């Protein structure tokens, strides 16, 4: 184990004024968070929450971790939104899911 790398990672995660973005929370965890705030835990509210997270300008100034993960999350979010939009219009095909995001 590279203890210097581990110490560097811990320091980056615990940097003053920064938090950790947890966008992959389970439905149960998200539902508990929403219910505590009197927000109905629907698929739409979870989608809007993730959208808010991934479209917040300057987000990387306030969270720790690999800055490449946020753009990857944004691409995945937009890909899923495209698939859901196609499904709502009756144009979904299984190939859409495997297409590059």
Foldseek 3Di string as FASTA:
>chain_A
DPVVVVVVQVCQQPPPQAHADDLPDDLVVVCVVCVVVVHHSDPVVNLVVLVCQLPPPPNVVHYGDDPVVSVVSVQVSVLVVVQVVCVVVVNHDPVSVVDRD
